[in-house]
Amino acid sequence: MKLLLAIKDDKAAFIMELLNNFKFVKAKPLTSHKAEVLEGVKQAVEEMKLINAGKLKGTPAKELLDEL
């Protein structure tokens, strides 16, 4: 199982040390770029769920291509 945790910067070193003391846990921090990409993907998935539920209007692909 993989988990993503949001930890305050001043507590991150303590949590990383704690997690690394468990032999069954592999912990590594995300780079800021990877965290931004992950957040963007998460937001896109949430928007797709809202579009599929009819709560948000999507933009047709043809319209997006015509803008190029």
PDB file of N, CA and C in Angstrom:
ATOM      1  N   MET A   1       0.855  -1.163   0.000  1.00  0.00           N
ATOM      2  CA  MET A   1       0.000   0.000   0.000  1.00  0.00           C
ATOM      3  C   MET A   1       0.904   1.230   0.000  1.00  0.00           C
ATOM      4  N   LYS A   2       0.482   2.237  -0.735  1.00  0.00           N
ATOM      5  CA  LYS A   2       1.222   3.497  -0.761  1.00  0.00           C
ATOM      6  C   LYS A   2       0.352   4.585  -0.166  1.00  0.00           C
ATOM      7  N   LEU A   3       0.997   5.474   0.582  1.00  0.00           N
ATOM      8  CA  LEU A   3       0.301   6.587   1.213  1.00  0.00           C
ATOM      9  C   LEU A   3       0.995   7.883   0.859  1.00  0.00           C
ATOM     10  N   LEU A   4       0.228   8.926   0.771  1.00  0.00           N
ATOM     11  CA  LEU A   4       0.772  10.261   0.575  1.00  0.00           C
ATOM     12  C   LEU A   4       0.379  11.078   1.795  1.00  0.00           C
ATOM     13  N   LEU A   5       1.371  11.621   2.478  1.00  0.00           N
ATOM     14  CA  LEU A   5       1.129  12.375   3.702  1.00  0.00           C
ATOM     15  C   LEU A   5       1.491  13.830   3.516  1.00  0.00           C
ATOM     16  N   ALA A   6       0.724  14.714   4.089  1.00  0.00           N
ATOM     17  CA  ALA A   6       1.061  16.140   4.125  1.00  0.00           C
ATOM     18  C   ALA A   6       1.528  16.446   5.538  1.00  0.00           C
ATOM     19  N   ILE A   7       2.801  16.822   5.660  1.00  0.00           N
ATOM     20  CA  ILE A   7       3.412  17.038   6.970  1.00  0.00           C
ATOM     21  C   ILE A   7       4.027  18.426   7.002  1.00  0.00           C
ATOM     22  N   LYS A   8       3.858  19.123   8.120  1.00  0.00           N
ATOM     23  CA  LYS A   8       4.476  20.438   8.264  1.00  0.00           C
ATOM     24  C   LYS A   8       5.985  20.297   8.138  1.00  0.00           C
ATOM     25  N   ASP A   9       6.613  21.282   7.509  1.00  0.00           N
ATOM     26  CA  ASP A   9       8.050  21.234   7.263  1.00  0.00           C
ATOM     27  C   ASP A   9       8.860  21.029   8.533  1.00  0.00           C
ATOM     28  N   ASP A  10       8.451  21.665   9.618  1.00  0.00           N
ATOM     29  CA  ASP A  10       9.238  21.556  10.851  1.00  0.00           C
ATOM     30  C   ASP A  10       9.119  20.184  11.515  1.00  0.00           C
ATOM     31  N   LYS A  11       8.178  19.361  11.087  1.00  0.00           N
ATOM     32  CA  LYS A  11       8.005  18.023  11.651  1.00  0.00           C
ATOM     33  C   LYS A  11       8.437  16.923  10.676  1.00  0.00           C
ATOM     34  N   ALA A  12       8.771  17.279   9.434  1.00  0.00           N
ATOM     35  CA  ALA A  12       9.066  16.289   8.397  1.00  0.00           C
ATOM     36  C   ALA A  12      10.266  15.421   8.746  1.00  0.00           C
ATOM     37  N   ALA A  13      11.348  16.017   9.240  1.00  0.00           N
ATOM     38  CA  ALA A  13      12.541  15.240   9.564  1.00  0.00           C
ATOM     39  C   ALA A  13      12.243  14.189  10.642  1.00  0.00           C
ATOM     40  N   PHE A  14      11.464  14.577  11.638  1.00  0.00           N
ATOM     41  CA  PHE A  14      11.099  13.640  12.705  1.00  0.00           C
ATOM     42  C   PHE A  14      10.290  12.470  12.149  1.00  0.00           C
ATOM     43  N   ILE A  15       9.287  12.773  11.319  1.00  0.00           N
ATOM     44  CA  ILE A  15       8.432  11.726  10.750  1.00  0.00           C
ATOM     45  C   ILE A  15       9.238  10.804   9.841  1.00  0.00           C
ATOM     46  N   MET A  16      10.131  11.380   9.020  1.00  0.00           N
ATOM     47  CA  MET A  16      10.960  10.551   8.136  1.00  0.00           C
ATOM     48  C   MET A  16      11.850   9.619   8.959  1.00  0.00           C
ATOM     49  N   GLU A  17      12.452  10.144  10.033  1.00  0.00           N
ATOM     50  CA  GLU A  17      13.292   9.304  10.884  1.00  0.00           C
ATOM     51  C   GLU A  17      12.473   8.193  11.522  1.00  0.00           C
ATOM     52  N   LEU A  18      11.287   8.527  11.972  1.00  0.00           N
ATOM     53  CA  LEU A  18      10.400   7.544  12.589  1.00  0.00           C
ATOM     54  C   LEU A  18      10.034   6.447  11.587  1.00  0.00           C
ATOM     55  N   LEU A  19       9.627   6.833  10.390  1.00  0.00           N
ATOM     56  CA  LEU A  19       9.231   5.853   9.381  1.00  0.00           C
ATOM     57  C   LEU A  19      10.403   4.980   8.946  1.00  0.00           C
ATOM     58  N   ASN A  20      11.574   5.575   8.824  1.00  0.00           N
ATOM     59  CA  ASN A  20      12.740   4.805   8.387  1.00  0.00           C
ATOM     60  C   ASN A  20      13.212   3.806   9.443  1.00  0.00           C
ATOM     61  N   ASN A  21      12.759   3.940  10.689  1.00  0.00           N
ATOM     62  CA  ASN A  21      13.099   2.974  11.730  1.00  0.00           C
ATOM     63  C   ASN A  21      12.303   1.682  11.620  1.00  0.00           C
ATOM     64  N   PHE A  22      11.254   1.684  10.824  1.00  0.00           N
ATOM     65  CA  PHE A  22      10.475   0.465  10.594  1.00  0.00           C
ATOM     66  C   PHE A  22      11.054  -0.251   9.374  1.00  0.00           C
ATOM     67  N   LYS A  23      11.429  -1.521   9.544  1.00  0.00           N
ATOM     68  CA  LYS A  23      12.026  -2.290   8.445  1.00  0.00           C
ATOM     69  C   LYS A  23      11.031  -2.533   7.311  1.00  0.00           C
ATOM     70  N   PHE A  24       9.746  -2.529   7.613  1.00  0.00           N
ATOM     71  CA  PHE A  24       8.730  -2.825   6.609  1.00  0.00           C
ATOM     72  C   PHE A  24       8.206  -1.581   5.891  1.00  0.00           C
ATOM     73  N   VAL A  25       8.791  -0.415   6.177  1.00  0.00           N
ATOM     74  CA  VAL A  25       8.363   0.845   5.551  1.00  0.00           C
ATOM     75  C   VAL A  25       9.507   1.417   4.733  1.00  0.00           C
ATOM     76  N   LYS A  26       9.198   1.788   3.498  1.00  0.00           N
ATOM     77  CA  LYS A  26      10.157   2.503   2.660  1.00  0.00           C
ATOM     78  C   LYS A  26       9.586   3.904   2.457  1.00  0.00           C
ATOM     79  N   ALA A  27      10.276   4.907   2.931  1.00  0.00           N
ATOM     80  CA  ALA A  27       9.778   6.282   2.840  1.00  0.00           C
ATOM     81  C   ALA A  27      10.794   7.129   2.090  1.00  0.00           C
ATOM     82  N   LYS A  28      10.278   7.943   1.162  1.00  0.00           N
ATOM     83  CA  LYS A  28      11.142   8.904   0.479  1.00  0.00           C
ATOM     84  C   LYS A  28      10.311  10.145   0.181  1.00  0.00           C
ATOM     85  N   PRO A  29      10.911  11.305   0.345  1.00  0.00           N
ATOM     86  CA  PRO A  29      10.161  12.545   0.104  1.00  0.00           C
ATOM     87  C   PRO A  29       9.951  12.796  -1.385  1.00  0.00           C
ATOM     88  N   LEU A  30       8.881  13.485  -1.720  1.00  0.00           N
ATOM     89  CA  LEU A  30       8.619  13.902  -3.091  1.00  0.00           C
ATOM     90  C   LEU A  30       9.335  15.221  -3.358  1.00  0.00           C
ATOM     91  N   THR A  31       9.813  15.372  -4.583  1.00  0.00           N
ATOM     92  CA  THR A  31      10.355  16.671  -4.958  1.00  0.00           C
ATOM     93  C   THR A  31       9.179  17.626  -5.112  1.00  0.00           C
ATOM     94  N   SER A  32       9.441  18.905  -5.054  1.00  0.00           N
ATOM     95  CA  SER A  32       8.346  19.866  -5.191  1.00  0.00           C
ATOM     96  C   SER A  32       7.697  19.748  -6.567  1.00  0.00           C
ATOM     97  N   HIS A  33       8.492  19.442  -7.600  1.00  0.00           N
ATOM     98  CA  HIS A  33       7.927  19.281  -8.946  1.00  0.00           C
ATOM     99  C   HIS A  33       6.977  18.089  -9.004  1.00  0.00           C
ATOM    100  N   LYS A  34       7.395  16.956  -8.442  1.00  0.00           N
ATOM    101  CA  LYS A  34       6.543  15.765  -8.442  1.00  0.00           C
ATOM    102  C   LYS A  34       5.275  16.005  -7.631  1.00  0.00           C
ATOM    103  N   ALA A  35       5.390  16.739  -6.542  1.00  0.00           N
ATOM    104  CA  ALA A  35       4.213  17.045  -5.727  1.00  0.00           C
ATOM    105  C   ALA A  35       3.230  17.909  -6.508  1.00  0.00           C
ATOM    106  N   GLU A  36       3.744  18.886  -7.270  1.00  0.00           N
ATOM    107  CA  GLU A  36       2.874  19.733  -8.094  1.00  0.00           C
ATOM    108  C   GLU A  36       2.191  18.927  -9.182  1.00  0.00           C
ATOM    109  N   VAL A  37       2.940  18.042  -9.840  1.00  0.00           N
ATOM    110  CA  VAL A  37       2.358  17.195 -10.893  1.00  0.00           C
ATOM    111  C   VAL A  37       1.283  16.301 -10.313  1.00  0.00           C
ATOM    112  N   LEU A  38       1.565  15.692  -9.181  1.00  0.00           N
ATOM    113  CA  LEU A  38       0.593  14.820  -8.532  1.00  0.00           C
ATOM    114  C   LEU A  38      -0.671  15.589  -8.157  1.00  0.00           C
ATOM    115  N   GLU A  39      -0.507  16.788  -7.651  1.00  0.00           N
ATOM    116  CA  GLU A  39      -1.664  17.619  -7.286  1.00  0.00           C
ATOM    117  C   GLU A  39      -2.478  17.979  -8.527  1.00  0.00           C
ATOM    118  N   GLY A  40      -1.798  18.267  -9.633  1.00  0.00           N
ATOM    119  CA  GLY A  40      -2.492  18.573 -10.883  1.00  0.00           C
ATOM    120  C   GLY A  40      -3.295  17.397 -11.405  1.00  0.00           C
ATOM    121  N   VAL A  41      -2.713  16.205 -11.331  1.00  0.00           N
ATOM    122  CA  VAL A  41      -3.421  14.999 -11.763  1.00  0.00           C
ATOM    123  C   VAL A  41      -4.626  14.748 -10.869  1.00  0.00           C
ATOM    124  N   LYS A  42      -4.447  14.935  -9.571  1.00  0.00           N
ATOM    125  CA  LYS A  42      -5.549  14.757  -8.621  1.00  0.00           C
ATOM    126  C   LYS A  42      -6.702  15.709  -8.944  1.00  0.00           C
ATOM    127  N   GLN A  43      -6.364  16.962  -9.229  1.00  0.00           N
ATOM    128  CA  GLN A  43      -7.384  17.960  -9.573  1.00  0.00           C
ATOM    129  C   GLN A  43      -8.092  17.582 -10.872  1.00  0.00           C
ATOM    130  N   ALA A  44      -7.337  17.098 -11.853  1.00  0.00           N
ATOM    131  CA  ALA A  44      -7.935  16.697 -13.129  1.00  0.00           C
ATOM    132  C   ALA A  44      -8.909  15.536 -12.940  1.00  0.00           C
ATOM    133  N   VAL A  45      -8.545  14.585 -12.104  1.00  0.00           N
ATOM    134  CA  VAL A  45      -9.432  13.447 -11.842  1.00  0.00           C
ATOM    135  C   VAL A  45     -10.708  13.917 -11.162  1.00  0.00           C
ATOM    136  N   GLU A  46     -10.593  14.823 -10.208  1.00  0.00           N
ATOM    137  CA  GLU A  46     -11.781  15.351  -9.525  1.00  0.00           C
ATOM    138  C   GLU A  46     -12.692  16.088 -10.513  1.00  0.00           C
ATOM    139  N   GLU A  47     -12.088  16.869 -11.420  1.00  0.00           N
ATOM    140  CA  GLU A  47     -12.889  17.576 -12.429  1.00  0.00           C
ATOM    141  C   GLU A  47     -13.593  16.595 -13.355  1.00  0.00           C
ATOM    142  N   MET A  48     -12.907  15.517 -13.739  1.00  0.00           N
ATOM    143  CA  MET A  48     -13.533  14.515 -14.599  1.00  0.00           C
ATOM    144  C   MET A  48     -14.711  13.843 -13.897  1.00  0.00           C
ATOM    145  N   LYS A  49     -14.572  13.591 -12.608  1.00  0.00           N
ATOM    146  CA  LYS A  49     -15.677  13.001 -11.846  1.00  0.00           C
ATOM    147  C   LYS A  49     -16.878  13.943 -11.842  1.00  0.00           C
ATOM    148  N   LEU A  50     -16.626  15.257 -11.663  1.00  0.00           N
ATOM    149  CA  LEU A  50     -17.719  16.236 -11.660  1.00  0.00           C
ATOM    150  C   LEU A  50     -18.363  16.343 -13.041  1.00  0.00           C
ATOM    151  N   ILE A  51     -17.562  16.298 -14.085  1.00  0.00           N
ATOM    152  CA  ILE A  51     -18.102  16.353 -15.450  1.00  0.00           C
ATOM    153  C   ILE A  51     -18.963  15.126 -15.714  1.00  0.00           C
ATOM    154  N   ASN A  52     -18.476  13.955 -15.345  1.00  0.00           N
ATOM    155  CA  ASN A  52     -19.240  12.720 -15.556  1.00  0.00           C
ATOM    156  C   ASN A  52     -20.527  12.699 -14.738  1.00  0.00           C
ATOM    157  N   ALA A  53     -20.522  13.360 -13.596  1.00  0.00           N
ATOM    158  CA  ALA A  53     -21.723  13.423 -12.754  1.00  0.00           C
ATOM    159  C   ALA A  53     -22.684  14.511 -13.221  1.00  0.00           C
ATOM    160  N   GLY A  54     -22.258  15.315 -14.209  1.00  0.00           N
ATOM    161  CA  GLY A  54     -23.107  16.376 -14.725  1.00  0.00           C
ATOM    162  C   GLY A  54     -23.098  17.635 -13.874  1.00  0.00           C
ATOM    163  N   LYS A  55     -22.170  17.740 -12.958  1.00  0.00           N
ATOM    164  CA  LYS A  55     -22.107  18.907 -12.073  1.00  0.00           C
ATOM    165  C   LYS A  55     -21.186  19.990 -12.614  1.00  0.00           C
ATOM    166  N   LEU A  56     -20.450  19.670 -13.674  1.00  0.00           N
ATOM    167  CA  LEU A  56     -19.513  20.617 -14.273  1.00  0.00           C
ATOM    168  C   LEU A  56     -19.549  20.400 -15.775  1.00  0.00           C
ATOM    169  N   LYS A  57     -19.473  21.492 -16.532  1.00  0.00           N
ATOM    170  CA  LYS A  57     -19.526  21.385 -17.985  1.00  0.00           C
ATOM    171  C   LYS A  57     -18.110  21.249 -18.529  1.00  0.00           C
ATOM    172  N   GLY A  58     -17.910  20.243 -19.368  1.00  0.00           N
ATOM    173  CA  GLY A  58     -16.608  20.015 -19.979  1.00  0.00           C
ATOM    174  C   GLY A  58     -16.479  20.772 -21.294  1.00  0.00           C
ATOM    175  N   THR A  59     -15.258  20.836 -21.812  1.00  0.00           N
ATOM    176  CA  THR A  59     -14.991  21.466 -23.097  1.00  0.00           C
ATOM    177  C   THR A  59     -14.740  20.365 -24.122  1.00  0.00           C
ATOM    178  N   PRO A  60     -15.474  20.362 -25.234  1.00  0.00           N
ATOM    179  CA  PRO A  60     -15.265  19.330 -26.251  1.00  0.00           C
ATOM    180  C   PRO A  60     -13.838  19.385 -26.806  1.00  0.00           C
ATOM    181  N   ALA A  61     -13.289  18.221 -27.145  1.00  0.00           N
ATOM    182  CA  ALA A  61     -11.920  18.134 -27.655  1.00  0.00           C
ATOM    183  C   ALA A  61     -11.761  18.947 -28.937  1.00  0.00           C
ATOM    184  N   LYS A  62     -12.782  18.942 -29.817  1.00  0.00           N
ATOM    185  CA  LYS A  62     -12.695  19.700 -31.065  1.00  0.00           C
ATOM    186  C   LYS A  62     -12.507  21.183 -30.778  1.00  0.00           C
ATOM    187  N   GLU A  63     -13.216  21.679 -29.790  1.00  0.00           N
ATOM    188  CA  GLU A  63     -13.099  23.093 -29.411  1.00  0.00           C
ATOM    189  C   GLU A  63     -11.679  23.409 -28.907  1.00  0.00           C
ATOM    190  N   LEU A  64     -11.114  22.508 -28.136  1.00  0.00           N
ATOM    191  CA  LEU A  64      -9.746  22.714 -27.659  1.00  0.00           C
ATOM    192  C   LEU A  64      -8.754  22.698 -28.821  1.00  0.00           C
ATOM    193  N   LEU A  65      -8.940  21.774 -29.768  1.00  0.00           N
ATOM    194  CA  LEU A  65      -8.041  21.699 -30.918  1.00  0.00           C
ATOM    195  C   LEU A  65      -8.179  22.917 -31.825  1.00  0.00           C
ATOM    196  N   ASP A  66      -9.405  23.427 -31.947  1.00  0.00           N
ATOM    197  CA  ASP A  66      -9.612  24.617 -32.787  1.00  0.00           C
ATOM    198  C   ASP A  66      -8.895  25.840 -32.218  1.00  0.00           C
ATOM    199  N   GLU A  67      -8.694  25.895 -30.910  1.00  0.00           N
ATOM    200  CA  GLU A  67      -7.989  27.001 -30.286  1.00  0.00           C
ATOM    201  C   GLU A  67      -6.501  26.993 -30.635  1.00  0.00           C
ATOM    202  N   LEU A  68      -5.986  25.832 -30.998  1.00  0.00           N
ATOM    203  CA  LEU A  68      -4.558  25.741 -31.348  1.00  0.00           C
ATOM    204  C   LEU A  68      -4.368  26.298 -32.732  1.00  0.00           C
TER     205      LEU A  68
END
